[in-house]
């Protein structure tokens, strides 16, 4: 498996799809990287030479924030939201959706497993 910036990328996929395995690089950015580094997007990752891998690594490192640095930046932003007490910080702190989604139904991914409340009866008139 080829390594780019300390991350193993999938061996048998085409280069743009392999580069998308890096955190912070999607298909669009991977296409831009291939174009700028003059690498054939139809090539498989295992077919890349050391020189091509070096070109990709230097281009990504100089133009994008990826992997650990990006994760730290996002964590710092969330911590700042919590500190200043804004709406998004409040929602992050309580593990609720931050972008306006409804919570009466759905949002199970964010809220976690259902917590049932005992002895809750519905009064009907």
PDB file of N, CA and C in Angstrom:
ATOM      1  N   UNK A   1       0.833  -1.193   0.000  1.00  0.00           N
ATOM      2  CA  UNK A   1       0.000   0.000   0.000  1.00  0.00           C
ATOM      3  C   UNK A   1       0.875   1.253   0.000  1.00  0.00           C
ATOM      4  N   UNK A   2       0.615   2.164  -0.902  1.00  0.00           N
ATOM      5  CA  UNK A   2       1.373   3.420  -0.902  1.00  0.00           C
ATOM      6  C   UNK A   2       1.009   4.275   0.318  1.00  0.00           C
ATOM      7  N   UNK A   3       2.004   4.980   0.834  1.00  0.00           N
ATOM      8  CA  UNK A   3       1.767   5.873   1.971  1.00  0.00           C
ATOM      9  C   UNK A   3       1.921   7.317   1.515  1.00  0.00           C
ATOM     10  N   UNK A   4       0.932   8.129   1.876  1.00  0.00           N
ATOM     11  CA  UNK A   4       1.010   9.561   1.594  1.00  0.00           C
ATOM     12  C   UNK A   4       0.761  10.292   2.905  1.00  0.00           C
ATOM     13  N   UNK A   5       1.742  11.076   3.332  1.00  0.00           N
ATOM     14  CA  UNK A   5       1.661  11.860   4.564  1.00  0.00           C
ATOM     15  C   UNK A   5       1.292  10.990   5.768  1.00  0.00           C
ATOM     16  N   UNK A   6       1.884   9.801   5.848  1.00  0.00           N
ATOM     17  CA  UNK A   6       1.684   8.924   6.999  1.00  0.00           C
ATOM     18  C   UNK A   6       0.402   8.122   6.975  1.00  0.00           C
ATOM     19  N   UNK A   7      -0.310   8.108   5.865  1.00  0.00           N
ATOM     20  CA  UNK A   7      -1.568   7.371   5.770  1.00  0.00           C
ATOM     21  C   UNK A   7      -1.476   6.378   4.612  1.00  0.00           C
ATOM     22  N   UNK A   8      -1.833   5.127   4.878  1.00  0.00           N
ATOM     23  CA  UNK A   8      -1.891   4.134   3.811  1.00  0.00           C
ATOM     24  C   UNK A   8      -3.132   4.386   2.973  1.00  0.00           C
ATOM     25  N   UNK A   9      -2.937   4.496   1.662  1.00  0.00           N
ATOM     26  CA  UNK A   9      -4.092   4.679   0.785  1.00  0.00           C
ATOM     27  C   UNK A   9      -4.396   3.337   0.121  1.00  0.00           C
ATOM     28  N   UNK A  10      -5.672   3.088  -0.231  1.00  0.00           N
ATOM     29  CA  UNK A  10      -6.041   1.808  -0.845  1.00  0.00           C
ATOM     30  C   UNK A  10      -5.231   1.530  -2.115  1.00  0.00           C
ATOM     31  N   UNK A  11      -4.798   0.313  -2.229  1.00  0.00           N
ATOM     32  CA  UNK A  11      -3.877  -0.095  -3.287  1.00  0.00           C
ATOM     33  C   UNK A  11      -4.524  -0.231  -4.652  1.00  0.00           C
ATOM     34  N   UNK A  12      -5.679  -0.892  -4.713  1.00  0.00           N
ATOM     35  CA  UNK A  12      -6.239  -1.299  -5.997  1.00  0.00           C
ATOM     36  C   UNK A  12      -7.265  -0.330  -6.568  1.00  0.00           C
ATOM     37  N   UNK A  13      -7.478   0.804  -5.929  1.00  0.00           N
ATOM     38  CA  UNK A  13      -8.433   1.785  -6.454  1.00  0.00           C
ATOM     39  C   UNK A  13      -7.708   2.773  -7.355  1.00  0.00           C
ATOM     40  N   UNK A  14      -8.492   3.485  -8.160  1.00  0.00           N
ATOM     41  CA  UNK A  14      -7.905   4.526  -8.998  1.00  0.00           C
ATOM     42  C   UNK A  14      -7.425   5.664  -8.100  1.00  0.00           C
ATOM     43  N   UNK A  15      -6.466   6.434  -8.593  1.00  0.00           N
ATOM     44  CA  UNK A  15      -5.775   7.434  -7.774  1.00  0.00           C
ATOM     45  C   UNK A  15      -6.730   8.419  -7.088  1.00  0.00           C
ATOM     46  N   UNK A  16      -7.702   9.034  -7.784  1.00  0.00           N
ATOM     47  CA  UNK A  16      -8.566   9.993  -7.074  1.00  0.00           C
ATOM     48  C   UNK A  16      -9.343   9.351  -5.918  1.00  0.00           C
ATOM     49  N   UNK A  17      -9.805   8.119  -6.111  1.00  0.00           N
ATOM     50  CA  UNK A  17     -10.563   7.442  -5.059  1.00  0.00           C
ATOM     51  C   UNK A  17      -9.647   7.042  -3.905  1.00  0.00           C
ATOM     52  N   UNK A  18      -8.408   6.711  -4.202  1.00  0.00           N
ATOM     53  CA  UNK A  18      -7.447   6.392  -3.155  1.00  0.00           C
ATOM     54  C   UNK A  18      -7.102   7.631  -2.340  1.00  0.00           C
ATOM     55  N   UNK A  19      -6.916   8.759  -3.037  1.00  0.00           N
ATOM     56  CA  UNK A  19      -6.588  10.004  -2.325  1.00  0.00           C
ATOM     57  C   UNK A  19      -7.740  10.459  -1.447  1.00  0.00           C
ATOM     58  N   UNK A  20      -8.961  10.096  -1.815  1.00  0.00           N
ATOM     59  CA  UNK A  20     -10.128  10.481  -1.021  1.00  0.00           C
ATOM     60  C   UNK A  20     -10.141   9.769   0.327  1.00  0.00           C
ATOM     61  N   UNK A  21      -9.266   8.785   0.517  1.00  0.00           N
ATOM     62  CA  UNK A  21      -9.161   8.106   1.810  1.00  0.00           C
ATOM     63  C   UNK A  21      -8.482   9.002   2.851  1.00  0.00           C
ATOM     64  N   UNK A  22      -7.814  10.059   2.405  1.00  0.00           N
ATOM     65  CA  UNK A  22      -7.195  11.006   3.330  1.00  0.00           C
ATOM     66  C   UNK A  22      -8.280  11.899   3.922  1.00  0.00           C
ATOM     67  N   UNK A  23      -8.233  12.139   5.227  1.00  0.00           N
ATOM     68  CA  UNK A  23      -9.208  13.000   5.884  1.00  0.00           C
ATOM     69  C   UNK A  23      -8.961  14.432   5.419  1.00  0.00           C
ATOM     70  N   UNK A  24      -9.980  15.042   4.838  1.00  0.00           N
ATOM     71  CA  UNK A  24      -9.857  16.400   4.335  1.00  0.00           C
ATOM     72  C   UNK A  24      -9.675  16.464   2.828  1.00  0.00           C
ATOM     73  N   UNK A  25      -9.601  15.305   2.168  1.00  0.00           N
ATOM     74  CA  UNK A  25      -9.496  15.262   0.709  1.00  0.00           C
ATOM     75  C   UNK A  25     -10.671  14.461   0.185  1.00  0.00           C
ATOM     76  N   UNK A  26     -11.520  15.109  -0.601  1.00  0.00           N
ATOM     77  CA  UNK A  26     -12.646  14.427  -1.219  1.00  0.00           C
ATOM     78  C   UNK A  26     -12.337  14.168  -2.684  1.00  0.00           C
ATOM     79  N   UNK A  27     -13.337  13.728  -3.425  1.00  0.00           N
ATOM     80  CA  UNK A  27     -13.131  13.419  -4.842  1.00  0.00           C
ATOM     81  C   UNK A  27     -12.759  14.665  -5.656  1.00  0.00           C
ATOM     82  N   UNK A  28     -13.397  15.776  -5.336  1.00  0.00           N
ATOM     83  CA  UNK A  28     -13.120  17.011  -6.075  1.00  0.00           C
ATOM     84  C   UNK A  28     -11.656  17.430  -5.890  1.00  0.00           C
ATOM     85  N   UNK A  29     -11.224  17.485  -4.641  1.00  0.00           N
ATOM     86  CA  UNK A  29      -9.840  17.862  -4.361  1.00  0.00           C
ATOM     87  C   UNK A  29      -8.857  16.851  -4.929  1.00  0.00           C
ATOM     88  N   UNK A  30      -9.212  15.582  -4.863  1.00  0.00           N
ATOM     89  CA  UNK A  30      -8.337  14.540  -5.400  1.00  0.00           C
ATOM     90  C   UNK A  30      -8.156  14.728  -6.907  1.00  0.00           C
ATOM     91  N   UNK A  31      -9.223  15.114  -7.589  1.00  0.00           N
ATOM     92  CA  UNK A  31      -9.125  15.394  -9.023  1.00  0.00           C
ATOM     93  C   UNK A  31      -8.219  16.572  -9.305  1.00  0.00           C
ATOM     94  N   UNK A  32      -8.324  17.609  -8.473  1.00  0.00           N
ATOM     95  CA  UNK A  32      -7.456  18.788  -8.624  1.00  0.00           C
ATOM     96  C   UNK A  32      -5.996  18.398  -8.401  1.00  0.00           C
ATOM     97  N   UNK A  33      -5.748  17.564  -7.398  1.00  0.00           N
ATOM     98  CA  UNK A  33      -4.380  17.120  -7.104  1.00  0.00           C
ATOM     99  C   UNK A  33      -3.811  16.353  -8.298  1.00  0.00           C
ATOM    100  N   UNK A  34      -4.597  15.444  -8.859  1.00  0.00           N
ATOM    101  CA  UNK A  34      -4.137  14.675 -10.023  1.00  0.00           C
ATOM    102  C   UNK A  34      -3.818  15.596 -11.200  1.00  0.00           C
ATOM    103  N   UNK A  35      -4.677  16.573 -11.415  1.00  0.00           N
ATOM    104  CA  UNK A  35      -4.486  17.494 -12.531  1.00  0.00           C
ATOM    105  C   UNK A  35      -3.220  18.331 -12.339  1.00  0.00           C
ATOM    106  N   UNK A  36      -3.030  18.873 -11.124  1.00  0.00           N
ATOM    107  CA  UNK A  36      -1.882  19.732 -10.840  1.00  0.00           C
ATOM    108  C   UNK A  36      -0.563  18.960 -10.859  1.00  0.00           C
ATOM    109  N   UNK A  37      -0.594  17.697 -10.445  1.00  0.00           N
ATOM    110  CA  UNK A  37       0.627  16.871 -10.393  1.00  0.00           C
ATOM    111  C   UNK A  37       0.846  16.087 -11.682  1.00  0.00           C
ATOM    112  N   UNK A  38       0.013  16.311 -12.697  1.00  0.00           N
ATOM    113  CA  UNK A  38       0.086  15.617 -13.983  1.00  0.00           C
ATOM    114  C   UNK A  38       0.115  14.096 -13.819  1.00  0.00           C
ATOM    115  N   UNK A  39      -0.880  13.593 -13.094  1.00  0.00           N
ATOM    116  CA  UNK A  39      -1.006  12.153 -12.897  1.00  0.00           C
ATOM    117  C   UNK A  39      -2.298  11.694 -13.557  1.00  0.00           C
ATOM    118  N   UNK A  40      -2.232  10.604 -14.283  1.00  0.00           N
ATOM    119  CA  UNK A  40      -3.394  10.058 -14.975  1.00  0.00           C
ATOM    120  C   UNK A  40      -4.400   9.549 -13.939  1.00  0.00           C
ATOM    121  N   UNK A  41      -5.628  10.105 -13.911  1.00  0.00           N
ATOM    122  CA  UNK A  41      -6.624   9.665 -12.928  1.00  0.00           C
ATOM    123  C   UNK A  41      -7.080   8.224 -13.131  1.00  0.00           C
ATOM    124  N   UNK A  42      -6.830   7.649 -14.297  1.00  0.00           N
ATOM    125  CA  UNK A  42      -7.236   6.272 -14.554  1.00  0.00           C
ATOM    126  C   UNK A  42      -6.228   5.266 -13.994  1.00  0.00           C
ATOM    127  N   UNK A  43      -5.088   5.752 -13.553  1.00  0.00           N
ATOM    128  CA  UNK A  43      -4.040   4.896 -12.996  1.00  0.00           C
ATOM    129  C   UNK A  43      -4.466   4.361 -11.634  1.00  0.00           C
ATOM    130  N   UNK A  44      -4.006   3.175 -11.287  1.00  0.00           N
ATOM    131  CA  UNK A  44      -4.272   2.594  -9.971  1.00  0.00           C
ATOM    132  C   UNK A  44      -3.188   3.053  -9.001  1.00  0.00           C
ATOM    133  N   UNK A  45      -3.509   3.044  -7.699  1.00  0.00           N
ATOM    134  CA  UNK A  45      -2.577   3.556  -6.699  1.00  0.00           C
ATOM    135  C   UNK A  45      -1.282   2.755  -6.653  1.00  0.00           C
ATOM    136  N   UNK A  46      -1.358   1.447  -6.854  1.00  0.00           N
ATOM    137  CA  UNK A  46      -0.142   0.634  -6.788  1.00  0.00           C
ATOM    138  C   UNK A  46       0.789   0.896  -7.969  1.00  0.00           C
ATOM    139  N   UNK A  47       0.286   1.532  -9.036  1.00  0.00           N
ATOM    140  CA  UNK A  47       1.095   1.833 -10.215  1.00  0.00           C
ATOM    141  C   UNK A  47       1.869   3.140 -10.087  1.00  0.00           C
ATOM    142  N   UNK A  48       1.624   3.893  -9.007  1.00  0.00           N
ATOM    143  CA  UNK A  48       2.309   5.171  -8.826  1.00  0.00           C
ATOM    144  C   UNK A  48       3.771   4.947  -8.479  1.00  0.00           C
ATOM    145  N   UNK A  49       4.649   5.757  -9.073  1.00  0.00           N
ATOM    146  CA  UNK A  49       6.076   5.662  -8.756  1.00  0.00           C
ATOM    147  C   UNK A  49       6.354   6.485  -7.492  1.00  0.00           C
ATOM    148  N   UNK A  50       7.543   6.295  -6.940  1.00  0.00           N
ATOM    149  CA  UNK A  50       7.938   7.046  -5.739  1.00  0.00           C
ATOM    150  C   UNK A  50       7.966   8.542  -6.025  1.00  0.00           C
ATOM    151  N   UNK A  51       8.415   8.892  -7.233  1.00  0.00           N
ATOM    152  CA  UNK A  51       8.495  10.306  -7.602  1.00  0.00           C
ATOM    153  C   UNK A  51       7.090  10.933  -7.661  1.00  0.00           C
ATOM    154  N   UNK A  52       6.124  10.193  -8.206  1.00  0.00           N
ATOM    155  CA  UNK A  52       4.741  10.687  -8.279  1.00  0.00           C
ATOM    156  C   UNK A  52       4.133  10.813  -6.888  1.00  0.00           C
ATOM    157  N   UNK A  53       4.406   9.836  -6.034  1.00  0.00           N
ATOM    158  CA  UNK A  53       3.910   9.912  -4.653  1.00  0.00           C
ATOM    159  C   UNK A  53       4.489  11.130  -3.941  1.00  0.00           C
ATOM    160  N   UNK A  54       5.747  11.415  -4.188  1.00  0.00           N
ATOM    161  CA  UNK A  54       6.389  12.596  -3.590  1.00  0.00           C
ATOM    162  C   UNK A  54       5.755  13.890  -4.073  1.00  0.00           C
ATOM    163  N   UNK A  55       5.462  13.955  -5.380  1.00  0.00           N
ATOM    164  CA  UNK A  55       4.804  15.147  -5.926  1.00  0.00           C
ATOM    165  C   UNK A  55       3.442  15.364  -5.297  1.00  0.00           C
ATOM    166  N   UNK A  56       2.680  14.272  -5.164  1.00  0.00           N
ATOM    167  CA  UNK A  56       1.342  14.355  -4.562  1.00  0.00           C
ATOM    168  C   UNK A  56       1.452  14.836  -3.124  1.00  0.00           C
ATOM    169  N   UNK A  57       2.369  14.247  -2.359  1.00  0.00           N
ATOM    170  CA  UNK A  57       2.525  14.589  -0.945  1.00  0.00           C
ATOM    171  C   UNK A  57       2.906  16.058  -0.770  1.00  0.00           C
ATOM    172  N   UNK A  58       3.863  16.545  -1.560  1.00  0.00           N
ATOM    173  CA  UNK A  58       4.275  17.943  -1.412  1.00  0.00           C
ATOM    174  C   UNK A  58       3.163  18.899  -1.821  1.00  0.00           C
ATOM    175  N   UNK A  59       2.415  18.550  -2.877  1.00  0.00           N
ATOM    176  CA  UNK A  59       1.320  19.424  -3.312  1.00  0.00           C
ATOM    177  C   UNK A  59       0.229  19.505  -2.251  1.00  0.00           C
ATOM    178  N   UNK A  60      -0.165  18.354  -1.707  1.00  0.00           N
ATOM    179  CA  UNK A  60      -1.223  18.330  -0.691  1.00  0.00           C
ATOM    180  C   UNK A  60      -0.778  19.077   0.558  1.00  0.00           C
ATOM    181  N   UNK A  61       0.457  18.826   0.979  1.00  0.00           N
ATOM    182  CA  UNK A  61       0.963  19.445   2.208  1.00  0.00           C
ATOM    183  C   UNK A  61       1.037  20.960   2.096  1.00  0.00           C
ATOM    184  N   UNK A  62       1.400  21.456   0.909  1.00  0.00           N
ATOM    185  CA  UNK A  62       1.555  22.901   0.756  1.00  0.00           C
ATOM    186  C   UNK A  62       0.239  23.628   0.495  1.00  0.00           C
ATOM    187  N   UNK A  63      -0.801  22.917   0.028  1.00  0.00           N
ATOM    188  CA  UNK A  63      -2.034  23.610  -0.370  1.00  0.00           C
ATOM    189  C   UNK A  63      -3.257  23.327   0.494  1.00  0.00           C
ATOM    190  N   UNK A  64      -3.265  22.233   1.256  1.00  0.00           N
ATOM    191  CA  UNK A  64      -4.459  21.860   2.011  1.00  0.00           C
ATOM    192  C   UNK A  64      -4.107  21.545   3.460  1.00  0.00           C
ATOM    193  N   UNK A  65      -5.083  21.725   4.328  1.00  0.00           N
ATOM    194  CA  UNK A  65      -4.965  21.278   5.713  1.00  0.00           C
ATOM    195  C   UNK A  65      -5.674  19.931   5.780  1.00  0.00           C
ATOM    196  N   UNK A  66      -4.946  18.876   6.155  1.00  0.00           N
ATOM    197  CA  UNK A  66      -5.554  17.546   6.178  1.00  0.00           C
ATOM    198  C   UNK A  66      -5.177  16.792   7.436  1.00  0.00           C
ATOM    199  N   UNK A  67      -5.828  15.639   7.632  1.00  0.00           N
ATOM    200  CA  UNK A  67      -5.573  14.678   8.705  1.00  0.00           C
ATOM    201  C   UNK A  67      -5.539  15.335  10.083  1.00  0.00           C
ATOM    202  N   UNK A  68      -4.483  15.128  10.848  1.00  0.00           N
ATOM    203  CA  UNK A  68      -4.425  15.543  12.253  1.00  0.00           C
ATOM    204  C   UNK A  68      -4.619  17.035  12.451  1.00  0.00           C
ATOM    205  N   UNK A  69      -3.993  17.842  11.597  1.00  0.00           N
ATOM    206  CA  UNK A  69      -4.128  19.297  11.727  1.00  0.00           C
ATOM    207  C   UNK A  69      -5.570  19.734  11.517  1.00  0.00           C
ATOM    208  N   UNK A  70      -6.252  19.133  10.550  1.00  0.00           N
ATOM    209  CA  UNK A  70      -7.652  19.478  10.283  1.00  0.00           C
ATOM    210  C   UNK A  70      -8.537  19.061  11.442  1.00  0.00           C
ATOM    211  N   UNK A  71      -8.305  17.858  11.985  1.00  0.00           N
ATOM    212  CA  UNK A  71      -9.084  17.393  13.135  1.00  0.00           C
ATOM    213  C   UNK A  71      -8.907  18.328  14.326  1.00  0.00           C
ATOM    214  N   UNK A  72      -7.654  18.747  14.585  1.00  0.00           N
ATOM    215  CA  UNK A  72      -7.384  19.676  15.697  1.00  0.00           C
ATOM    216  C   UNK A  72      -8.069  21.012  15.477  1.00  0.00           C
ATOM    217  N   UNK A  73      -8.040  21.501  14.244  1.00  0.00           N
ATOM    218  CA  UNK A  73      -8.674  22.781  13.919  1.00  0.00           C
ATOM    219  C   UNK A  73     -10.182  22.719  14.163  1.00  0.00           C
ATOM    220  N   UNK A  74     -10.811  21.618  13.741  1.00  0.00           N
ATOM    221  CA  UNK A  74     -12.254  21.460  13.936  1.00  0.00           C
ATOM    222  C   UNK A  74     -12.578  21.375  15.417  1.00  0.00           C
ATOM    223  N   UNK A  75     -11.787  20.617  16.184  1.00  0.00           N
ATOM    224  CA  UNK A  75     -12.004  20.522  17.634  1.00  0.00           C
ATOM    225  C   UNK A  75     -11.856  21.877  18.303  1.00  0.00           C
ATOM    226  N   UNK A  76     -10.872  22.659  17.860  1.00  0.00           N
ATOM    227  CA  UNK A  76     -10.660  23.996  18.430  1.00  0.00           C
ATOM    228  C   UNK A  76     -11.851  24.905  18.127  1.00  0.00           C
ATOM    229  N   UNK A  77     -12.401  24.789  16.919  1.00  0.00           N
ATOM    230  CA  UNK A  77     -13.568  25.601  16.558  1.00  0.00           C
ATOM    231  C   UNK A  77     -14.773  25.256  17.431  1.00  0.00           C
ATOM    232  N   UNK A  78     -14.999  23.949  17.640  1.00  0.00           N
ATOM    233  CA  UNK A  78     -16.127  23.516  18.468  1.00  0.00           C
ATOM    234  C   UNK A  78     -15.925  23.989  19.907  1.00  0.00           C
ATOM    235  N   UNK A  79     -14.688  23.881  20.410  1.00  0.00           N
ATOM    236  CA  UNK A  79     -14.400  24.344  21.772  1.00  0.00           C
ATOM    237  C   UNK A  79     -14.638  25.847  21.899  1.00  0.00           C
ATOM    238  N   UNK A  80     -14.295  26.589  20.851  1.00  0.00           N
ATOM    239  CA  UNK A  80     -14.526  28.043  20.864  1.00  0.00           C
ATOM    240  C   UNK A  80     -16.022  28.350  20.892  1.00  0.00           C
ATOM    241  N   UNK A  81     -16.809  27.592  20.116  1.00  0.00           N
ATOM    242  CA  UNK A  81     -18.261  27.784  20.130  1.00  0.00           C
ATOM    243  C   UNK A  81     -18.809  27.564  21.534  1.00  0.00           C
ATOM    244  N   UNK A  82     -18.337  26.508  22.194  1.00  0.00           N
ATOM    245  CA  UNK A  82     -18.815  26.203  23.546  1.00  0.00           C
ATOM    246  C   UNK A  82     -18.420  27.308  24.511  1.00  0.00           C
ATOM    247  N   UNK A  83     -17.190  27.797  24.368  1.00  0.00           N
ATOM    248  CA  UNK A  83     -16.673  28.810  25.285  1.00  0.00           C
ATOM    249  C   UNK A  83     -17.443  30.125  25.187  1.00  0.00           C
ATOM    250  N   UNK A  84     -17.753  30.544  23.968  1.00  0.00           N
ATOM    251  CA  UNK A  84     -18.446  31.818  23.817  1.00  0.00           C
ATOM    252  C   UNK A  84     -19.944  31.684  24.059  1.00  0.00           C
ATOM    253  N   UNK A  85     -20.409  30.440  24.178  1.00  0.00           N
ATOM    254  CA  UNK A  85     -21.814  30.224  24.532  1.00  0.00           C
ATOM    255  C   UNK A  85     -22.794  30.471  23.404  1.00  0.00           C
ATOM    256  N   UNK A  86     -22.365  30.281  22.172  1.00  0.00           N
ATOM    257  CA  UNK A  86     -23.278  30.499  21.056  1.00  0.00           C
ATOM    258  C   UNK A  86     -24.194  29.285  20.883  1.00  0.00           C
ATOM    259  N   UNK A  87     -25.148  29.407  20.009  1.00  0.00           N
ATOM    260  CA  UNK A  87     -26.154  28.359  19.795  1.00  0.00           C
ATOM    261  C   UNK A  87     -25.496  27.053  19.380  1.00  0.00           C
ATOM    262  N   UNK A  88     -24.571  27.114  18.431  1.00  0.00           N
ATOM    263  CA  UNK A  88     -23.907  25.887  17.972  1.00  0.00           C
ATOM    264  C   UNK A  88     -23.109  25.239  19.086  1.00  0.00           C
ATOM    265  N   UNK A  89     -22.486  26.048  19.942  1.00  0.00           N
ATOM    266  CA  UNK A  89     -21.752  25.504  21.078  1.00  0.00           C
ATOM    267  C   UNK A  89     -22.676  24.815  22.055  1.00  0.00           C
ATOM    268  N   UNK A  90     -23.828  25.421  22.290  1.00  0.00           N
ATOM    269  CA  UNK A  90     -24.848  24.844  23.178  1.00  0.00           C
ATOM    270  C   UNK A  90     -25.301  23.494  22.641  1.00  0.00           C
ATOM    271  N   UNK A  91     -25.556  23.419  21.331  1.00  0.00           N
ATOM    272  CA  UNK A  91     -26.022  22.181  20.712  1.00  0.00           C
ATOM    273  C   UNK A  91     -24.921  21.108  20.733  1.00  0.00           C
ATOM    274  N   UNK A  92     -23.685  21.506  20.480  1.00  0.00           N
ATOM    275  CA  UNK A  92     -22.571  20.560  20.546  1.00  0.00           C
ATOM    276  C   UNK A  92     -22.418  20.000  21.954  1.00  0.00           C
ATOM    277  N   UNK A  93     -22.512  20.860  22.954  1.00  0.00           N
ATOM    278  CA  UNK A  93     -22.313  20.434  24.339  1.00  0.00           C
ATOM    279  C   UNK A  93     -23.374  19.428  24.780  1.00  0.00           C
ATOM    280  N   UNK A  94     -24.566  19.531  24.237  1.00  0.00           N
ATOM    281  CA  UNK A  94     -25.660  18.639  24.620  1.00  0.00           C
ATOM    282  C   UNK A  94     -25.891  17.508  23.625  1.00  0.00           C
ATOM    283  N   UNK A  95     -24.972  17.318  22.705  1.00  0.00           N
ATOM    284  CA  UNK A  95     -25.055  16.268  21.688  1.00  0.00           C
ATOM    285  C   UNK A  95     -26.373  16.297  20.923  1.00  0.00           C
ATOM    286  N   UNK A  96     -26.725  17.462  20.448  1.00  0.00           N
ATOM    287  CA  UNK A  96     -27.925  17.645  19.637  1.00  0.00           C
ATOM    288  C   UNK A  96     -27.510  18.154  18.259  1.00  0.00           C
ATOM    289  N   UNK A  97     -28.369  18.015  17.252  1.00  0.00           N
ATOM    290  CA  UNK A  97     -28.015  18.512  15.919  1.00  0.00           C
ATOM    291  C   UNK A  97     -27.805  20.026  15.936  1.00  0.00           C
ATOM    292  N   UNK A  98     -26.792  20.491  15.230  1.00  0.00           N
ATOM    293  CA  UNK A  98     -26.407  21.905  15.270  1.00  0.00           C
ATOM    294  C   UNK A  98     -26.962  22.720  14.111  1.00  0.00           C
ATOM    295  N   UNK A  99     -27.470  22.059  13.090  1.00  0.00           N
ATOM    296  CA  UNK A  99     -27.781  22.787  11.868  1.00  0.00           C
ATOM    297  C   UNK A  99     -29.272  22.862  11.575  1.00  0.00           C
ATOM    298  N   UNK A 100     -30.078  22.967  12.606  1.00  0.00           N
ATOM    299  CA  UNK A 100     -31.486  23.247  12.414  1.00  0.00           C
ATOM    300  C   UNK A 100     -32.384  22.056  12.156  1.00  0.00           C
ATOM    301  N   UNK A 101     -31.872  20.832  12.277  1.00  0.00           N
ATOM    302  CA  UNK A 101     -32.727  19.680  12.043  1.00  0.00           C
ATOM    303  C   UNK A 101     -33.704  19.509  13.195  1.00  0.00           C
ATOM    304  N   UNK A 102     -34.799  18.802  12.929  1.00  0.00           N
ATOM    305  CA  UNK A 102     -35.779  18.560  13.973  1.00  0.00           C
ATOM    306  C   UNK A 102     -35.267  17.480  14.916  1.00  0.00           C
ATOM    307  N   UNK A 103     -35.767  17.499  16.157  1.00  0.00           N
ATOM    308  CA  UNK A 103     -35.322  16.490  17.117  1.00  0.00           C
ATOM    309  C   UNK A 103     -36.477  15.714  17.729  1.00  0.00           C
ATOM    310  N   UNK A 104     -37.704  16.095  17.430  1.00  0.00           N
ATOM    311  CA  UNK A 104     -38.831  15.356  17.993  1.00  0.00           C
ATOM    312  C   UNK A 104     -38.816  13.920  17.478  1.00  0.00           C
ATOM    313  N   UNK A 105     -38.579  13.777  16.181  1.00  0.00           N
ATOM    314  CA  UNK A 105     -38.328  12.459  15.617  1.00  0.00           C
ATOM    315  C   UNK A 105     -36.971  12.551  14.930  1.00  0.00           C
ATOM    316  N   UNK A 106     -36.377  11.433  14.670  1.00  0.00           N
ATOM    317  CA  UNK A 106     -35.067  11.358  14.005  1.00  0.00           C
ATOM    318  C   UNK A 106     -33.939  11.885  14.903  1.00  0.00           C
ATOM    319  N   UNK A 107     -32.833  12.211  14.322  1.00  0.00           N
ATOM    320  CA  UNK A 107     -31.595  12.636  14.985  1.00  0.00           C
ATOM    321  C   UNK A 107     -31.068  11.596  15.965  1.00  0.00           C
ATOM    322  N   UNK A 108     -31.340  10.314  15.699  1.00  0.00           N
ATOM    323  CA  UNK A 108     -30.886   9.255  16.590  1.00  0.00           C
ATOM    324  C   UNK A 108     -29.365   9.107  16.532  1.00  0.00           C
ATOM    325  N   UNK A 109     -28.771   9.391  15.407  1.00  0.00           N
ATOM    326  CA  UNK A 109     -27.326   9.272  15.294  1.00  0.00           C
ATOM    327  C   UNK A 109     -26.652  10.212  16.287  1.00  0.00           C
ATOM    328  N   UNK A 110     -27.141  11.418  16.362  1.00  0.00           N
ATOM    329  CA  UNK A 110     -26.533  12.433  17.217  1.00  0.00           C
ATOM    330  C   UNK A 110     -26.887  12.224  18.687  1.00  0.00           C
ATOM    331  N   UNK A 111     -28.152  11.862  18.954  1.00  0.00           N
ATOM    332  CA  UNK A 111     -28.618  11.745  20.338  1.00  0.00           C
ATOM    333  C   UNK A 111     -28.266  10.403  20.975  1.00  0.00           C
ATOM    334  N   UNK A 112     -28.011   9.388  20.170  1.00  0.00           N
ATOM    335  CA  UNK A 112     -27.668   8.075  20.705  1.00  0.00           C
ATOM    336  C   UNK A 112     -28.901   7.205  20.869  1.00  0.00           C
ATOM    337  N   UNK A 113     -28.703   6.082  21.556  1.00  0.00           N
ATOM    338  CA  UNK A 113     -29.790   5.128  21.741  1.00  0.00           C
ATOM    339  C   UNK A 113     -30.914   5.743  22.561  1.00  0.00           C
ATOM    340  N   UNK A 114     -32.149   5.327  22.275  1.00  0.00           N
ATOM    341  CA  UNK A 114     -33.310   5.885  22.984  1.00  0.00           C
ATOM    342  C   UNK A 114     -33.234   5.603  24.466  1.00  0.00           C
ATOM    343  N   UNK A 115     -33.577   6.623  25.260  1.00  0.00           N
ATOM    344  CA  UNK A 115     -33.662   6.456  26.709  1.00  0.00           C
ATOM    345  C   UNK A 115     -35.141   6.532  27.070  1.00  0.00           C
ATOM    346  N   UNK A 116     -35.731   5.396  27.402  1.00  0.00           N
ATOM    347  CA  UNK A 116     -37.164   5.394  27.693  1.00  0.00           C
ATOM    348  C   UNK A 116     -37.404   5.870  29.123  1.00  0.00           C
ATOM    349  N   UNK A 117     -38.517   6.561  29.293  1.00  0.00           N
ATOM    350  CA  UNK A 117     -38.894   7.085  30.597  1.00  0.00           C
ATOM    351  C   UNK A 117     -40.002   6.201  31.147  1.00  0.00           C
ATOM    352  N   UNK A 118     -39.803   5.696  32.356  1.00  0.00           N
ATOM    353  CA  UNK A 118     -40.787   4.774  32.957  1.00  0.00           C
ATOM    354  C   UNK A 118     -42.005   5.521  33.472  1.00  0.00           C
ATOM    355  N   UNK A 119     -43.126   4.834  33.529  1.00  0.00           N
ATOM    356  CA  UNK A 119     -44.380   5.334  34.077  1.00  0.00           C
ATOM    357  C   UNK A 119     -44.879   6.599  33.393  1.00  0.00           C
ATOM    358  N   UNK A 120     -44.696   6.667  32.123  1.00  0.00           N
ATOM    359  CA  UNK A 120     -45.185   7.825  31.385  1.00  0.00           C
ATOM    360  C   UNK A 120     -46.462   7.411  30.679  1.00  0.00           C
ATOM    361  N   UNK A 121     -47.590   7.949  31.140  1.00  0.00           N
ATOM    362  CA  UNK A 121     -48.883   7.627  30.537  1.00  0.00           C
ATOM    363  C   UNK A 121     -49.420   8.830  29.798  1.00  0.00           C
ATOM    364  N   UNK A 122     -50.109   8.550  28.738  1.00  0.00           N
ATOM    365  CA  UNK A 122     -50.741   9.627  27.958  1.00  0.00           C
ATOM    366  C   UNK A 122     -52.175   9.757  28.461  1.00  0.00           C
ATOM    367  N   UNK A 123     -52.515  10.958  28.898  1.00  0.00           N
ATOM    368  CA  UNK A 123     -53.889  11.208  29.359  1.00  0.00           C
ATOM    369  C   UNK A 123     -54.745  11.591  28.175  1.00  0.00           C
ATOM    370  N   UNK A 124     -55.841  10.881  27.998  1.00  0.00           N
ATOM    371  CA  UNK A 124     -56.751  11.170  26.888  1.00  0.00           C
ATOM    372  C   UNK A 124     -58.073  11.651  27.453  1.00  0.00           C
ATOM    373  N   UNK A 125     -58.633  12.616  26.824  1.00  0.00           N
ATOM    374  CA  UNK A 125     -59.925  13.148  27.278  1.00  0.00           C
ATOM    375  C   UNK A 125     -61.030  12.745  26.361  1.00  0.00           C
TER     376      UNK A 125
END
